[in-house]
Amino acid sequence: MLLELGNGVTWHSLRHFYASTLIYSGASVKAVQERLGHSSAETSLKIYAHMWPSGLRSRLGGSVRRGRRRW
């Protein structure tokens, strides 16, 4: 049986919400990678770098593309 989420909520949006909550709660890049099952921390950063505090983004420099993904 499939669970209906309704009101435009998708499993993907719930996953994104979970990642956002982890980041805003102070989770490390490694913790987010492990919780979401990404193959590398770089994958997590490519998707969610814009959510970490600006201090982390500036320390990363040009290693992560800064564009926001549109879902």
C-alpha atoms as a PDB file:
ATOM      1  CA  MET A   1       0.000   0.000   0.000  1.00  0.00           C
ATOM      2  CA  LEU A   2       1.344   3.431  -0.970  1.00  0.00           C
ATOM      3  CA  LEU A   3       1.122   6.264   1.504  1.00  0.00           C
ATOM      4  CA  GLU A   4      -0.483   9.319  -0.042  1.00  0.00           C
ATOM      5  CA  LEU A   5       1.197  12.523   1.042  1.00  0.00           C
ATOM      6  CA  GLY A   6      -1.246  14.951  -0.564  1.00  0.00           C
ATOM      7  CA  ASN A   7      -1.112  18.728  -1.008  1.00  0.00           C
ATOM      8  CA  GLY A   8       1.844  18.611  -3.406  1.00  0.00           C
ATOM      9  CA  VAL A   9       4.135  16.951  -0.856  1.00  0.00           C
ATOM     10  CA  THR A  10       6.430  14.366  -2.431  1.00  0.00           C
ATOM     11  CA  TRP A  11       8.913  11.904  -1.011  1.00  0.00           C
ATOM     12  CA  HIS A  12      11.612  14.021  -2.608  1.00  0.00           C
ATOM     13  CA  SER A  13      10.401  17.164  -0.843  1.00  0.00           C
ATOM     14  CA  LEU A  14      10.393  15.274   2.470  1.00  0.00           C
ATOM     15  CA  ARG A  15      13.990  14.181   1.822  1.00  0.00           C
ATOM     16  CA  HIS A  16      14.970  17.785   1.068  1.00  0.00           C
ATOM     17  CA  PHE A  17      13.200  18.946   4.238  1.00  0.00           C
ATOM     18  CA  TYR A  18      15.115  16.325   6.251  1.00  0.00           C
ATOM     19  CA  ALA A  19      18.427  17.483   4.791  1.00  0.00           C
ATOM     20  CA  SER A  20      17.537  21.122   5.505  1.00  0.00           C
ATOM     21  CA  THR A  21      16.637  20.303   9.083  1.00  0.00           C
ATOM     22  CA  LEU A  22      19.924  18.462   9.605  1.00  0.00           C
ATOM     23  CA  ILE A  23      21.929  21.377   8.207  1.00  0.00           C
ATOM     24  CA  TYR A  24      20.105  24.083  10.139  1.00  0.00           C
ATOM     25  CA  SER A  25      20.525  21.978  13.291  1.00  0.00           C
ATOM     26  CA  GLY A  26      24.294  22.097  12.836  1.00  0.00           C
ATOM     27  CA  ALA A  27      24.976  18.723  11.203  1.00  0.00           C
ATOM     28  CA  SER A  28      28.318  18.343   9.462  1.00  0.00           C
ATOM     29  CA  VAL A  29      28.642  17.676   5.759  1.00  0.00           C
ATOM     30  CA  LYS A  30      29.726  14.123   6.594  1.00  0.00           C
ATOM     31  CA  ALA A  31      26.663  13.566   8.792  1.00  0.00           C
ATOM     32  CA  VAL A  32      24.316  14.760   6.034  1.00  0.00           C
ATOM     33  CA  GLN A  33      26.121  12.549   3.511  1.00  0.00           C
ATOM     34  CA  GLU A  34      25.721   9.491   5.718  1.00  0.00           C
ATOM     35  CA  ARG A  35      22.079  10.159   6.624  1.00  0.00           C
ATOM     36  CA  LEU A  36      21.042  10.715   3.016  1.00  0.00           C
ATOM     37  CA  GLY A  37      23.148   7.889   1.623  1.00  0.00           C
ATOM     38  CA  HIS A  38      25.172  10.035  -0.766  1.00  0.00           C
ATOM     39  CA  SER A  39      28.268   8.363  -2.188  1.00  0.00           C
ATOM     40  CA  SER A  40      30.478  11.290  -1.178  1.00  0.00           C
ATOM     41  CA  ALA A  41      30.426  14.498   0.848  1.00  0.00           C
ATOM     42  CA  GLU A  42      30.963  16.346  -2.437  1.00  0.00           C
ATOM     43  CA  THR A  43      27.580  15.115  -3.649  1.00  0.00           C
ATOM     44  CA  SER A  44      25.915  16.509  -0.523  1.00  0.00           C
ATOM     45  CA  LEU A  45      27.716  19.815  -0.985  1.00  0.00           C
ATOM     46  CA  LYS A  46      26.777  20.123  -4.652  1.00  0.00           C
ATOM     47  CA  ILE A  47      23.129  19.865  -3.700  1.00  0.00           C
ATOM     48  CA  TYR A  48      22.976  21.598  -0.311  1.00  0.00           C
ATOM     49  CA  ALA A  49      25.974  23.974  -0.061  1.00  0.00           C
ATOM     50  CA  HIS A  50      23.693  27.011  -0.232  1.00  0.00           C
ATOM     51  CA  MET A  51      22.098  25.947   3.065  1.00  0.00           C
ATOM     52  CA  TRP A  52      25.204  25.865   5.216  1.00  0.00           C
ATOM     53  CA  PRO A  53      26.270  29.060   7.005  1.00  0.00           C
ATOM     54  CA  SER A  54      28.252  31.471   4.841  1.00  0.00           C
ATOM     55  CA  GLY A  55      31.419  30.776   6.853  1.00  0.00           C
ATOM     56  CA  LEU A  56      31.493  27.184   5.631  1.00  0.00           C
ATOM     57  CA  ARG A  57      30.743  28.203   2.053  1.00  0.00           C
ATOM     58  CA  SER A  58      33.580  30.737   2.064  1.00  0.00           C
ATOM     59  CA  ARG A  59      36.044  28.149   3.428  1.00  0.00           C
ATOM     60  CA  LEU A  60      35.053  25.813   0.603  1.00  0.00           C
ATOM     61  CA  GLY A  61      35.977  28.469  -1.949  1.00  0.00           C
ATOM     62  CA  GLY A  62      35.439  27.478  -5.541  1.00  0.00           C
ATOM     63  CA  SER A  63      35.341  23.752  -4.874  1.00  0.00           C
ATOM     64  CA  VAL A  64      31.544  23.658  -4.959  1.00  0.00           C
ATOM     65  CA  ARG A  65      29.354  25.102  -7.660  1.00  0.00           C
ATOM     66  CA  ARG A  66      27.198  27.807  -6.107  1.00  0.00           C
ATOM     67  CA  GLY A  67      24.066  27.433  -8.201  1.00  0.00           C
ATOM     68  CA  ARG A  68      20.856  26.368  -6.490  1.00  0.00           C
ATOM     69  CA  ARG A  69      19.137  23.313  -7.819  1.00  0.00           C
ATOM     70  CA  ARG A  70      15.518  23.636  -8.804  1.00  0.00           C
ATOM     71  CA  TRP A  71      13.390  20.613  -7.998  1.00  0.00           C
END
